[in-house]
Amino acid sequence: MKNPVVWWEINARDGEKLSAFYREVLEWEMPLDEKSGIWEVERDDAPGNIGGGIFTGQGRLPTHRCLLVQVEDIDRVCSRVKRAGQEILQGPYALEGVGRLAFFRDPEGHMLGLIERPTD
């Protein structure tokens, strides 16, 4: 599949409290990654499983649920988003150890993220 969904995230007002809710209700293992500040859901390698986590945002983006789509050239995709009449909400920017990220809303207001992985 070209440009697959590779990550989901929830930007919470209180990531600690929200991750505790999901640990209780869905029995997810969600240790806090101290470096990133994300309570990341532990997953196995079963087909169709994608990674994800919950974090407390720092006000740059509103609280949200978001899917991240992996792309080969984030700058090119951001240009297409703008040509289609949509605003880039944040990015592209580099996140150490992860890649380059950008976020936008589609014409109906759904927020999506883009990720370009390093090509080491």
PDB file of N, CA and C in Angstrom:
ATOM      1  N   MET A   1       0.856  -1.176   0.000  1.00  0.00           N
ATOM      2  CA  MET A   1       0.000   0.000   0.000  1.00  0.00           C
ATOM      3  C   MET A   1       0.901   1.238   0.000  1.00  0.00           C
ATOM      4  N   LYS A   2       0.600   2.160  -0.853  1.00  0.00           N
ATOM      5  CA  LYS A   2       1.347   3.418  -0.867  1.00  0.00           C
ATOM      6  C   LYS A   2       0.812   4.331   0.228  1.00  0.00           C
ATOM      7  N   ASN A   3       1.720   4.986   0.972  1.00  0.00           N
ATOM      8  CA  ASN A   3       1.378   5.932   2.035  1.00  0.00           C
ATOM      9  C   ASN A   3       0.471   5.300   3.099  1.00  0.00           C
ATOM     10  N   PRO A   4       0.969   4.261   3.797  1.00  0.00           N
ATOM     11  CA  PRO A   4       0.150   3.576   4.808  1.00  0.00           C
ATOM     12  C   PRO A   4       0.023   4.372   6.097  1.00  0.00           C
ATOM     13  N   VAL A   5      -1.048   4.102   6.847  1.00  0.00           N
ATOM     14  CA  VAL A   5      -1.190   4.627   8.201  1.00  0.00           C
ATOM     15  C   VAL A   5      -0.219   3.821   9.071  1.00  0.00           C
ATOM     16  N   VAL A   6       0.675   4.513   9.792  1.00  0.00           N
ATOM     17  CA  VAL A   6       1.701   3.825  10.573  1.00  0.00           C
ATOM     18  C   VAL A   6       1.667   4.158  12.061  1.00  0.00           C
ATOM     19  N   TRP A   7       0.823   5.096  12.485  1.00  0.00           N
ATOM     20  CA  TRP A   7       0.810   5.520  13.889  1.00  0.00           C
ATOM     21  C   TRP A   7      -0.520   6.195  14.167  1.00  0.00           C
ATOM     22  N   TRP A   8      -0.995   6.109  15.376  1.00  0.00           N
ATOM     23  CA  TRP A   8      -2.144   6.888  15.834  1.00  0.00           C
ATOM     24  C   TRP A   8      -1.725   7.581  17.117  1.00  0.00           C
ATOM     25  N   GLU A   9      -2.373   8.699  17.412  1.00  0.00           N
ATOM     26  CA  GLU A   9      -2.055   9.395  18.650  1.00  0.00           C
ATOM     27  C   GLU A   9      -3.280  10.108  19.184  1.00  0.00           C
ATOM     28  N   ILE A  10      -3.268  10.288  20.491  1.00  0.00           N
ATOM     29  CA  ILE A  10      -4.275  11.116  21.152  1.00  0.00           C
ATOM     30  C   ILE A  10      -3.517  12.189  21.917  1.00  0.00           C
ATOM     31  N   ASN A  11      -3.756  13.436  21.556  1.00  0.00           N
ATOM     32  CA  ASN A  11      -3.188  14.583  22.260  1.00  0.00           C
ATOM     33  C   ASN A  11      -4.214  14.962  23.318  1.00  0.00           C
ATOM     34  N   ALA A  12      -3.894  14.659  24.576  1.00  0.00           N
ATOM     35  CA  ALA A  12      -4.849  14.805  25.675  1.00  0.00           C
ATOM     36  C   ALA A  12      -4.572  16.048  26.513  1.00  0.00           C
ATOM     37  N   ARG A  13      -5.581  16.514  27.208  1.00  0.00           N
ATOM     38  CA  ARG A  13      -5.370  17.571  28.203  1.00  0.00           C
ATOM     39  C   ARG A  13      -4.549  17.030  29.371  1.00  0.00           C
ATOM     40  N   ASP A  14      -4.792  15.768  29.757  1.00  0.00           N
ATOM     41  CA  ASP A  14      -4.073  15.130  30.849  1.00  0.00           C
ATOM     42  C   ASP A  14      -3.728  13.711  30.417  1.00  0.00           C
ATOM     43  N   GLY A  15      -2.558  13.560  29.797  1.00  0.00           N
ATOM     44  CA  GLY A  15      -2.146  12.270  29.247  1.00  0.00           C
ATOM     45  C   GLY A  15      -2.032  11.172  30.282  1.00  0.00           C
ATOM     46  N   GLU A  16      -1.583  11.520  31.486  1.00  0.00           N
ATOM     47  CA  GLU A  16      -1.446  10.521  32.537  1.00  0.00           C
ATOM     48  C   GLU A  16      -2.817   9.946  32.918  1.00  0.00           C
ATOM     49  N   LYS A  17      -3.789  10.818  33.121  1.00  0.00           N
ATOM     50  CA  LYS A  17      -5.131  10.382  33.496  1.00  0.00           C
ATOM     51  C   LYS A  17      -5.797   9.597  32.356  1.00  0.00           C
ATOM     52  N   LEU A  18      -5.653  10.092  31.122  1.00  0.00           N
ATOM     53  CA  LEU A  18      -6.290   9.416  29.992  1.00  0.00           C
ATOM     54  C   LEU A  18      -5.648   8.057  29.724  1.00  0.00           C
ATOM     55  N   SER A  19      -4.331   7.967  29.834  1.00  0.00           N
ATOM     56  CA  SER A  19      -3.696   6.665  29.619  1.00  0.00           C
ATOM     57  C   SER A  19      -4.113   5.680  30.714  1.00  0.00           C
ATOM     58  N   ALA A  20      -4.299   6.153  31.950  1.00  0.00           N
ATOM     59  CA  ALA A  20      -4.786   5.280  33.027  1.00  0.00           C
ATOM     60  C   ALA A  20      -6.183   4.738  32.695  1.00  0.00           C
ATOM     61  N   PHE A  21      -7.037   5.584  32.109  1.00  0.00           N
ATOM     62  CA  PHE A  21      -8.379   5.158  31.692  1.00  0.00           C
ATOM     63  C   PHE A  21      -8.283   4.005  30.685  1.00  0.00           C
ATOM     64  N   TYR A  22      -7.451   4.170  29.648  1.00  0.00           N
ATOM     65  CA  TYR A  22      -7.333   3.123  28.623  1.00  0.00           C
ATOM     66  C   TYR A  22      -6.662   1.862  29.165  1.00  0.00           C
ATOM     67  N   ARG A  23      -5.737   2.020  30.110  1.00  0.00           N
ATOM     68  CA  ARG A  23      -5.138   0.829  30.731  1.00  0.00           C
ATOM     69  C   ARG A  23      -6.215   0.038  31.472  1.00  0.00           C
ATOM     70  N   GLU A  24      -7.102   0.745  32.178  1.00  0.00           N
ATOM     71  CA  GLU A  24      -8.155   0.068  32.934  1.00  0.00           C
ATOM     72  C   GLU A  24      -9.219  -0.524  32.016  1.00  0.00           C
ATOM     73  N   VAL A  25      -9.698   0.256  31.082  1.00  0.00           N
ATOM     74  CA  VAL A  25     -10.836  -0.166  30.258  1.00  0.00           C
ATOM     75  C   VAL A  25     -10.444  -1.191  29.197  1.00  0.00           C
ATOM     76  N   LEU A  26      -9.334  -0.957  28.500  1.00  0.00           N
ATOM     77  CA  LEU A  26      -8.934  -1.853  27.407  1.00  0.00           C
ATOM     78  C   LEU A  26      -7.790  -2.787  27.784  1.00  0.00           C
ATOM     79  N   GLU A  27      -7.317  -2.665  29.018  1.00  0.00           N
ATOM     80  CA  GLU A  27      -6.218  -3.483  29.515  1.00  0.00           C
ATOM     81  C   GLU A  27      -4.963  -3.350  28.655  1.00  0.00           C
ATOM     82  N   TRP A  28      -4.711  -2.160  28.155  1.00  0.00           N
ATOM     83  CA  TRP A  28      -3.516  -1.891  27.363  1.00  0.00           C
ATOM     84  C   TRP A  28      -2.327  -1.716  28.289  1.00  0.00           C
ATOM     85  N   GLU A  29      -1.196  -2.252  27.904  1.00  0.00           N
ATOM     86  CA  GLU A  29       0.074  -1.936  28.548  1.00  0.00           C
ATOM     87  C   GLU A  29       0.552  -0.644  27.893  1.00  0.00           C
ATOM     88  N   MET A  30       0.781   0.394  28.706  1.00  0.00           N
ATOM     89  CA  MET A  30       1.133   1.709  28.164  1.00  0.00           C
ATOM     90  C   MET A  30       2.207   2.376  29.013  1.00  0.00           C
ATOM     91  N   PRO A  31       3.438   1.882  28.962  1.00  0.00           N
ATOM     92  CA  PRO A  31       4.470   2.545  29.756  1.00  0.00           C
ATOM     93  C   PRO A  31       4.775   3.939  29.211  1.00  0.00           C
ATOM     94  N   LEU A  32       5.168   4.822  30.110  1.00  0.00           N
ATOM     95  CA  LEU A  32       5.552   6.176  29.720  1.00  0.00           C
ATOM     96  C   LEU A  32       6.973   6.158  29.197  1.00  0.00           C
ATOM     97  N   ASP A  33       7.165   6.656  27.992  1.00  0.00           N
ATOM     98  CA  ASP A  33       8.497   6.868  27.444  1.00  0.00           C
ATOM     99  C   ASP A  33       8.948   8.244  27.934  1.00  0.00           C
ATOM    100  N   GLU A  34       9.855   8.262  28.887  1.00  0.00           N
ATOM    101  CA  GLU A  34      10.281   9.520  29.517  1.00  0.00           C
ATOM    102  C   GLU A  34      10.864  10.494  28.504  1.00  0.00           C
ATOM    103  N   LYS A  35      11.539   9.993  27.482  1.00  0.00           N
ATOM    104  CA  LYS A  35      12.186  10.867  26.486  1.00  0.00           C
ATOM    105  C   LYS A  35      11.154  11.615  25.646  1.00  0.00           C
ATOM    106  N   SER A  36      10.141  10.892  25.181  1.00  0.00           N
ATOM    107  CA  SER A  36       9.152  11.515  24.292  1.00  0.00           C
ATOM    108  C   SER A  36       7.947  12.067  25.044  1.00  0.00           C
ATOM    109  N   GLY A  37       7.696  11.585  26.268  1.00  0.00           N
ATOM    110  CA  GLY A  37       6.505  11.994  27.002  1.00  0.00           C
ATOM    111  C   GLY A  37       5.237  11.320  26.507  1.00  0.00           C
ATOM    112  N   ILE A  38       5.390  10.193  25.820  1.00  0.00           N
ATOM    113  CA  ILE A  38       4.242   9.470  25.255  1.00  0.00           C
ATOM    114  C   ILE A  38       4.028   8.170  26.033  1.00  0.00           C
ATOM    115  N   TRP A  39       2.765   7.934  26.443  1.00  0.00           N
ATOM    116  CA  TRP A  39       2.381   6.637  26.978  1.00  0.00           C
ATOM    117  C   TRP A  39       2.109   5.782  25.749  1.00  0.00           C
ATOM    118  N   GLU A  40       3.070   4.967  25.368  1.00  0.00           N
ATOM    119  CA  GLU A  40       2.992   4.222  24.112  1.00  0.00           C
ATOM    120  C   GLU A  40       2.383   2.845  24.338  1.00  0.00           C
ATOM    121  N   VAL A  41       1.394   2.506  23.515  1.00  0.00           N
ATOM    122  CA  VAL A  41       0.720   1.222  23.621  1.00  0.00           C
ATOM    123  C   VAL A  41       1.656   0.128  23.128  1.00  0.00           C
ATOM    124  N   GLU A  42       1.886  -0.859  23.996  1.00  0.00           N
ATOM    125  CA  GLU A  42       2.694  -1.995  23.585  1.00  0.00           C
ATOM    126  C   GLU A  42       1.857  -2.865  22.666  1.00  0.00           C
ATOM    127  N   ARG A  43       2.471  -3.325  21.605  1.00  0.00           N
ATOM    128  CA  ARG A  43       1.740  -4.135  20.622  1.00  0.00           C
ATOM    129  C   ARG A  43       2.604  -5.295  20.180  1.00  0.00           C
ATOM    130  N   ASP A  44       1.965  -6.287  19.599  1.00  0.00           N
ATOM    131  CA  ASP A  44       2.734  -7.393  19.037  1.00  0.00           C
ATOM    132  C   ASP A  44       2.873  -7.164  17.536  1.00  0.00           C
ATOM    133  N   ASP A  45       3.455  -8.114  16.846  1.00  0.00           N
ATOM    134  CA  ASP A  45       3.699  -7.941  15.408  1.00  0.00           C
ATOM    135  C   ASP A  45       2.622  -8.580  14.544  1.00  0.00           C
ATOM    136  N   ALA A  46       1.426  -8.763  15.089  1.00  0.00           N
ATOM    137  CA  ALA A  46       0.334  -9.337  14.304  1.00  0.00           C
ATOM    138  C   ALA A  46       0.006  -8.424  13.127  1.00  0.00           C
ATOM    139  N   PRO A  47      -0.353  -8.996  11.984  1.00  0.00           N
ATOM    140  CA  PRO A  47      -0.692  -8.164  10.819  1.00  0.00           C
ATOM    141  C   PRO A  47      -1.792  -7.165  11.160  1.00  0.00           C
ATOM    142  N   GLY A  48      -1.626  -5.947  10.721  1.00  0.00           N
ATOM    143  CA  GLY A  48      -2.629  -4.912  10.917  1.00  0.00           C
ATOM    144  C   GLY A  48      -2.440  -4.081  12.165  1.00  0.00           C
ATOM    145  N   ASN A  49      -1.589  -4.511  13.084  1.00  0.00           N
ATOM    146  CA  ASN A  49      -1.348  -3.728  14.295  1.00  0.00           C
ATOM    147  C   ASN A  49      -0.439  -2.547  13.967  1.00  0.00           C
ATOM    148  N   ILE A  50      -0.848  -1.363  14.394  1.00  0.00           N
ATOM    149  CA  ILE A  50       0.005  -0.195  14.230  1.00  0.00           C
ATOM    150  C   ILE A  50       0.279   0.389  15.611  1.00  0.00           C
ATOM    151  N   GLY A  51       1.382   1.091  15.725  1.00  0.00           N
ATOM    152  CA  GLY A  51       1.732   1.705  16.996  1.00  0.00           C
ATOM    153  C   GLY A  51       0.907   2.939  17.268  1.00  0.00           C
ATOM    154  N   GLY A  52       0.907   3.335  18.548  1.00  0.00           N
ATOM    155  CA  GLY A  52       0.195   4.536  18.910  1.00  0.00           C
ATOM    156  C   GLY A  52       0.419   4.880  20.359  1.00  0.00           C
ATOM    157  N   GLY A  53      -0.054   6.051  20.750  1.00  0.00           N
ATOM    158  CA  GLY A  53       0.117   6.452  22.124  1.00  0.00           C
ATOM    159  C   GLY A  53      -0.643   7.718  22.478  1.00  0.00           C
ATOM    160  N   ILE A  54      -0.541   8.059  23.743  1.00  0.00           N
ATOM    161  CA  ILE A  54      -1.235   9.220  24.302  1.00  0.00           C
ATOM    162  C   ILE A  54      -0.193  10.149  24.902  1.00  0.00           C
ATOM    163  N   PHE A  55      -0.361  11.447  24.700  1.00  0.00           N
ATOM    164  CA  PHE A  55       0.549  12.415  25.288  1.00  0.00           C
ATOM    165  C   PHE A  55      -0.224  13.661  25.675  1.00  0.00           C
ATOM    166  N   THR A  56       0.388  14.460  26.528  1.00  0.00           N
ATOM    167  CA  THR A  56      -0.187  15.737  26.901  1.00  0.00           C
ATOM    168  C   THR A  56       0.446  16.790  26.014  1.00  0.00           C
ATOM    169  N   GLY A  57      -0.362  17.414  25.153  1.00  0.00           N
ATOM    170  CA  GLY A  57       0.152  18.408  24.226  1.00  0.00           C
ATOM    171  C   GLY A  57       0.630  19.660  24.935  1.00  0.00           C
ATOM    172  N   GLN A  58       1.345  20.461  24.199  1.00  0.00           N
ATOM    173  CA  GLN A  58       1.895  21.687  24.758  1.00  0.00           C
ATOM    174  C   GLN A  58       1.279  22.918  24.108  1.00  0.00           C
ATOM    175  N   GLY A  59       0.053  22.794  23.613  1.00  0.00           N
ATOM    176  CA  GLY A  59      -0.685  23.937  23.113  1.00  0.00           C
ATOM    177  C   GLY A  59      -0.447  24.304  21.670  1.00  0.00           C
ATOM    178  N   ARG A  60       0.470  23.626  20.982  1.00  0.00           N
ATOM    179  CA  ARG A  60       0.708  23.966  19.572  1.00  0.00           C
ATOM    180  C   ARG A  60      -0.434  23.504  18.685  1.00  0.00           C
ATOM    181  N   LEU A  61      -1.015  22.375  19.056  1.00  0.00           N
ATOM    182  CA  LEU A  61      -2.176  21.836  18.345  1.00  0.00           C
ATOM    183  C   LEU A  61      -3.273  21.602  19.370  1.00  0.00           C
ATOM    184  N   PRO A  62      -4.541  21.676  18.960  1.00  0.00           N
ATOM    185  CA  PRO A  62      -5.626  21.391  19.906  1.00  0.00           C
ATOM    186  C   PRO A  62      -5.611  19.914  20.295  1.00  0.00           C
ATOM    187  N   THR A  63      -6.299  19.581  21.400  1.00  0.00           N
ATOM    188  CA  THR A  63      -6.442  18.168  21.729  1.00  0.00           C
ATOM    189  C   THR A  63      -7.082  17.482  20.528  1.00  0.00           C
ATOM    190  N   HIS A  64      -6.667  16.241  20.283  1.00  0.00           N
ATOM    191  CA  HIS A  64      -7.134  15.583  19.062  1.00  0.00           C
ATOM    192  C   HIS A  64      -6.845  14.089  19.096  1.00  0.00           C
ATOM    193  N   ARG A  65      -7.467  13.410  18.152  1.00  0.00           N
ATOM    194  CA  ARG A  65      -7.117  12.055  17.756  1.00  0.00           C
ATOM    195  C   ARG A  65      -6.573  12.191  16.346  1.00  0.00           C
ATOM    196  N   CYS A  66      -5.517  11.482  16.035  1.00  0.00           N
ATOM    197  CA  CYS A  66      -4.898  11.686  14.733  1.00  0.00           C
ATOM    198  C   CYS A  66      -4.274  10.392  14.221  1.00  0.00           C
ATOM    199  N   LEU A  67      -4.387  10.177  12.934  1.00  0.00           N
ATOM    200  CA  LEU A  67      -3.666   9.098  12.258  1.00  0.00           C
ATOM    201  C   LEU A  67      -2.474   9.723  11.552  1.00  0.00           C
ATOM    202  N   LEU A  68      -1.339   9.040  11.564  1.00  0.00           N
ATOM    203  CA  LEU A  68      -0.172   9.510  10.830  1.00  0.00           C
ATOM    204  C   LEU A  68       0.069   8.600   9.636  1.00  0.00           C
ATOM    205  N   VAL A  69       0.259   9.217   8.481  1.00  0.00           N
ATOM    206  CA  VAL A  69       0.456   8.524   7.223  1.00  0.00           C
ATOM    207  C   VAL A  69       1.923   8.669   6.833  1.00  0.00           C
ATOM    208  N   GLN A  70       2.566   7.549   6.528  1.00  0.00           N
ATOM    209  CA  GLN A  70       3.967   7.593   6.115  1.00  0.00           C
ATOM    210  C   GLN A  70       4.054   7.952   4.635  1.00  0.00           C
ATOM    211  N   VAL A  71       4.882   8.951   4.319  1.00  0.00           N
ATOM    212  CA  VAL A  71       5.069   9.403   2.941  1.00  0.00           C
ATOM    213  C   VAL A  71       6.554   9.427   2.620  1.00  0.00           C
ATOM    214  N   GLU A  72       6.871   9.381   1.330  1.00  0.00           N
ATOM    215  CA  GLU A  72       8.267   9.410   0.899  1.00  0.00           C
ATOM    216  C   GLU A  72       8.834  10.820   0.893  1.00  0.00           C
ATOM    217  N   ASP A  73       8.015  11.818   0.545  1.00  0.00           N
ATOM    218  CA  ASP A  73       8.493  13.200   0.425  1.00  0.00           C
ATOM    219  C   ASP A  73       7.467  14.129   1.067  1.00  0.00           C
ATOM    220  N   ILE A  74       7.699  14.475   2.321  1.00  0.00           N
ATOM    221  CA  ILE A  74       6.732  15.262   3.079  1.00  0.00           C
ATOM    222  C   ILE A  74       6.535  16.653   2.484  1.00  0.00           C
ATOM    223  N   ASP A  75       7.593  17.237   1.947  1.00  0.00           N
ATOM    224  CA  ASP A  75       7.468  18.572   1.348  1.00  0.00           C
ATOM    225  C   ASP A  75       6.537  18.535   0.136  1.00  0.00           C
ATOM    226  N   ARG A  76       6.662  17.520  -0.674  1.00  0.00           N
ATOM    227  CA  ARG A  76       5.802  17.390  -1.857  1.00  0.00           C
ATOM    228  C   ARG A  76       4.339  17.200  -1.449  1.00  0.00           C
ATOM    229  N   VAL A  77       4.100  16.363  -0.444  1.00  0.00           N
ATOM    230  CA  VAL A  77       2.722  16.133   0.004  1.00  0.00           C
ATOM    231  C   VAL A  77       2.147  17.407   0.625  1.00  0.00           C
ATOM    232  N   CYS A  78       2.937  18.132   1.418  1.00  0.00           N
ATOM    233  CA  CYS A  78       2.459  19.398   1.996  1.00  0.00           C
ATOM    234  C   CYS A  78       2.111  20.394   0.897  1.00  0.00           C
ATOM    235  N   SER A  79       2.887  20.420  -0.171  1.00  0.00           N
ATOM    236  CA  SER A  79       2.570  21.299  -1.306  1.00  0.00           C
ATOM    237  C   SER A  79       1.234  20.917  -1.929  1.00  0.00           C
ATOM    238  N   ARG A  80       0.969  19.625  -2.049  1.00  0.00           N
ATOM    239  CA  ARG A  80      -0.313  19.176  -2.615  1.00  0.00           C
ATOM    240  C   ARG A  80      -1.473  19.534  -1.690  1.00  0.00           C
ATOM    241  N   VAL A  81      -1.253  19.437  -0.364  1.00  0.00           N
ATOM    242  CA  VAL A  81      -2.286  19.837   0.601  1.00  0.00           C
ATOM    243  C   VAL A  81      -2.648  21.300   0.387  1.00  0.00           C
ATOM    244  N   LYS A  82      -1.641  22.154   0.274  1.00  0.00           N
ATOM    245  CA  LYS A  82      -1.868  23.593   0.076  1.00  0.00           C
ATOM    246  C   LYS A  82      -2.546  23.861  -1.260  1.00  0.00           C
ATOM    247  N   ARG A  83      -2.109  23.168  -2.327  1.00  0.00           N
ATOM    248  CA  ARG A  83      -2.748  23.356  -3.646  1.00  0.00           C
ATOM    249  C   ARG A  83      -4.214  22.954  -3.619  1.00  0.00           C
ATOM    250  N   ALA A  84      -4.535  21.997  -2.741  1.00  0.00           N
ATOM    251  CA  ALA A  84      -5.927  21.546  -2.610  1.00  0.00           C
ATOM    252  C   ALA A  84      -6.731  22.481  -1.716  1.00  0.00           C
ATOM    253  N   GLY A  85      -6.105  23.576  -1.246  1.00  0.00           N
ATOM    254  CA  GLY A  85      -6.826  24.591  -0.485  1.00  0.00           C
ATOM    255  C   GLY A  85      -6.821  24.407   1.019  1.00  0.00           C
ATOM    256  N   GLN A  86      -5.980  23.516   1.523  1.00  0.00           N
ATOM    257  CA  GLN A  86      -5.946  23.261   2.966  1.00  0.00           C
ATOM    258  C   GLN A  86      -4.673  23.829   3.577  1.00  0.00           C
ATOM    259  N   GLU A  87      -4.774  24.200   4.858  1.00  0.00           N
ATOM    260  CA  GLU A  87      -3.669  24.805   5.594  1.00  0.00           C
ATOM    261  C   GLU A  87      -2.841  23.740   6.305  1.00  0.00           C
ATOM    262  N   ILE A  88      -1.527  23.915   6.295  1.00  0.00           N
ATOM    263  CA  ILE A  88      -0.655  23.078   7.118  1.00  0.00           C
ATOM    264  C   ILE A  88      -0.705  23.659   8.528  1.00  0.00           C
ATOM    265  N   LEU A  89      -1.124  22.870   9.497  1.00  0.00           N
ATOM    266  CA  LEU A  89      -1.281  23.341  10.872  1.00  0.00           C
ATOM    267  C   LEU A  89       0.058  23.445  11.597  1.00  0.00           C
ATOM    268  N   GLN A  90       0.953  22.499  11.306  1.00  0.00           N
ATOM    269  CA  GLN A  90       2.263  22.493  11.941  1.00  0.00           C
ATOM    270  C   GLN A  90       3.223  21.707  11.068  1.00  0.00           C
ATOM    271  N   GLY A  91       4.438  22.238  10.895  1.00  0.00           N
ATOM    272  CA  GLY A  91       5.479  21.513  10.180  1.00  0.00           C
ATOM    273  C   GLY A  91       5.641  21.950   8.757  1.00  0.00           C
ATOM    274  N   PRO A  92       6.438  21.192   8.049  1.00  0.00           N
ATOM    275  CA  PRO A  92       7.196  20.038   8.495  1.00  0.00           C
ATOM    276  C   PRO A  92       8.303  20.429   9.478  1.00  0.00           C
ATOM    277  N   TYR A  93       8.555  19.515  10.414  1.00  0.00           N
ATOM    278  CA  TYR A  93       9.627  19.697  11.380  1.00  0.00           C
ATOM    279  C   TYR A  93      10.229  18.328  11.685  1.00  0.00           C
ATOM    280  N   ALA A  94      11.472  18.341  12.163  1.00  0.00           N
ATOM    281  CA  ALA A  94      12.173  17.093  12.478  1.00  0.00           C
ATOM    282  C   ALA A  94      11.957  16.724  13.938  1.00  0.00           C
ATOM    283  N   LEU A  95      11.717  15.457  14.195  1.00  0.00           N
ATOM    284  CA  LEU A  95      11.631  14.915  15.543  1.00  0.00           C
ATOM    285  C   LEU A  95      12.719  13.849  15.647  1.00  0.00           C
ATOM    286  N   GLU A  96      13.697  14.110  16.480  1.00  0.00           N
ATOM    287  CA  GLU A  96      14.869  13.246  16.586  1.00  0.00           C
ATOM    288  C   GLU A  96      14.485  11.788  16.811  1.00  0.00           C
ATOM    289  N   GLY A  97      15.082  10.919  16.019  1.00  0.00           N
ATOM    290  CA  GLY A  97      14.850   9.493  16.147  1.00  0.00           C
ATOM    291  C   GLY A  97      13.562   9.005  15.513  1.00  0.00           C
ATOM    292  N   VAL A  98      12.766   9.928  14.965  1.00  0.00           N
ATOM    293  CA  VAL A  98      11.482   9.557  14.376  1.00  0.00           C
ATOM    294  C   VAL A  98      11.438   9.893  12.897  1.00  0.00           C
ATOM    295  N   GLY A  99      11.732  11.139  12.554  1.00  0.00           N
ATOM    296  CA  GLY A  99      11.664  11.595  11.171  1.00  0.00           C
ATOM    297  C   GLY A  99      11.103  13.004  11.112  1.00  0.00           C
ATOM    298  N   ARG A 100      10.566  13.374   9.961  1.00  0.00           N
ATOM    299  CA  ARG A 100       9.946  14.689   9.782  1.00  0.00           C
ATOM    300  C   ARG A 100       8.428  14.532   9.838  1.00  0.00           C
ATOM    301  N   LEU A 101       7.766  15.475  10.523  1.00  0.00           N
ATOM    302  CA  LEU A 101       6.322  15.416  10.735  1.00  0.00           C
ATOM    303  C   LEU A 101       5.656  16.690  10.245  1.00  0.00           C
ATOM    304  N   ALA A 102       4.389  16.574   9.868  1.00  0.00           N
ATOM    305  CA  ALA A 102       3.541  17.726   9.542  1.00  0.00           C
ATOM    306  C   ALA A 102       2.099  17.321   9.811  1.00  0.00           C
ATOM    307  N   PHE A 103       1.258  18.329  10.097  1.00  0.00           N
ATOM    308  CA  PHE A 103      -0.156  18.080  10.404  1.00  0.00           C
ATOM    309  C   PHE A 103      -1.026  19.046   9.613  1.00  0.00           C
ATOM    310  N   PHE A 104      -2.175  18.557   9.140  1.00  0.00           N
ATOM    311  CA  PHE A 104      -3.119  19.385   8.386  1.00  0.00           C
ATOM    312  C   PHE A 104      -4.529  18.877   8.626  1.00  0.00           C
ATOM    313  N   ARG A 105      -5.523  19.679   8.234  1.00  0.00           N
ATOM    314  CA  ARG A 105      -6.931  19.257   8.274  1.00  0.00           C
ATOM    315  C   ARG A 105      -7.415  19.024   6.846  1.00  0.00           C
ATOM    316  N   ASP A 106      -8.233  17.998   6.686  1.00  0.00           N
ATOM    317  CA  ASP A 106      -8.829  17.755   5.376  1.00  0.00           C
ATOM    318  C   ASP A 106     -10.023  18.701   5.196  1.00  0.00           C
ATOM    319  N   PRO A 107     -10.669  18.694   4.026  1.00  0.00           N
ATOM    320  CA  PRO A 107     -11.779  19.629   3.789  1.00  0.00           C
ATOM    321  C   PRO A 107     -12.954  19.495   4.747  1.00  0.00           C
ATOM    322  N   GLU A 108     -13.097  18.361   5.437  1.00  0.00           N
ATOM    323  CA  GLU A 108     -14.174  18.201   6.418  1.00  0.00           C
ATOM    324  C   GLU A 108     -13.715  18.495   7.838  1.00  0.00           C
ATOM    325  N   GLY A 109     -12.457  18.877   8.026  1.00  0.00           N
ATOM    326  CA  GLY A 109     -11.953  19.243   9.333  1.00  0.00           C
ATOM    327  C   GLY A 109     -11.231  18.156  10.108  1.00  0.00           C
ATOM    328  N   HIS A 110     -11.065  16.972   9.524  1.00  0.00           N
ATOM    329  CA  HIS A 110     -10.343  15.894  10.202  1.00  0.00           C
ATOM    330  C   HIS A 110      -8.846  16.162  10.131  1.00  0.00           C
ATOM    331  N   MET A 111      -8.163  16.041  11.255  1.00  0.00           N
ATOM    332  CA  MET A 111      -6.727  16.265  11.254  1.00  0.00           C
ATOM    333  C   MET A 111      -5.991  14.978  10.926  1.00  0.00           C
ATOM    334  N   LEU A 112      -5.000  15.103  10.056  1.00  0.00           N
ATOM    335  CA  LEU A 112      -4.125  13.988   9.710  1.00  0.00           C
ATOM    336  C   LEU A 112      -2.692  14.433   9.899  1.00  0.00           C
ATOM    337  N   GLY A 113      -1.830  13.470  10.208  1.00  0.00           N
ATOM    338  CA  GLY A 113      -0.418  13.739  10.300  1.00  0.00           C
ATOM    339  C   GLY A 113       0.324  13.021   9.184  1.00  0.00           C
ATOM    340  N   LEU A 114       1.464  13.587   8.827  1.00  0.00           N
ATOM    341  CA  LEU A 114       2.345  12.976   7.843  1.00  0.00           C
ATOM    342  C   LEU A 114       3.678  12.692   8.522  1.00  0.00           C
ATOM    343  N   ILE A 115       4.306  11.593   8.157  1.00  0.00           N
ATOM    344  CA  ILE A 115       5.628  11.285   8.669  1.00  0.00           C
ATOM    345  C   ILE A 115       6.512  10.811   7.526  1.00  0.00           C
ATOM    346  N   GLU A 116       7.682  11.416   7.433  1.00  0.00           N
ATOM    347  CA  GLU A 116       8.706  10.979   6.488  1.00  0.00           C
ATOM    348  C   GLU A 116       9.830  10.392   7.326  1.00  0.00           C
ATOM    349  N   ARG A 117      10.045   9.091   7.187  1.00  0.00           N
ATOM    350  CA  ARG A 117      11.068   8.401   7.985  1.00  0.00           C
ATOM    351  C   ARG A 117      12.456   8.736   7.448  1.00  0.00           C
ATOM    352  N   PRO A 118      13.473   8.691   8.316  1.00  0.00           N
ATOM    353  CA  PRO A 118      14.842   8.897   7.845  1.00  0.00           C
ATOM    354  C   PRO A 118      15.233   7.826   6.843  1.00  0.00           C
ATOM    355  N   THR A 119      16.106   8.169   5.918  1.00  0.00           N
ATOM    356  CA  THR A 119      16.497   7.220   4.868  1.00  0.00           C
ATOM    357  C   THR A 119      17.868   6.625   5.101  1.00  0.00           C
ATOM    358  N   ASP A 120      18.414   6.733   6.324  1.00  0.00           N
ATOM    359  CA  ASP A 120      19.761   6.244   6.647  1.00  0.00           C
ATOM    360  C   ASP A 120      20.208   5.207   5.679  1.00  0.00           C
TER     361      ASP A 120
END
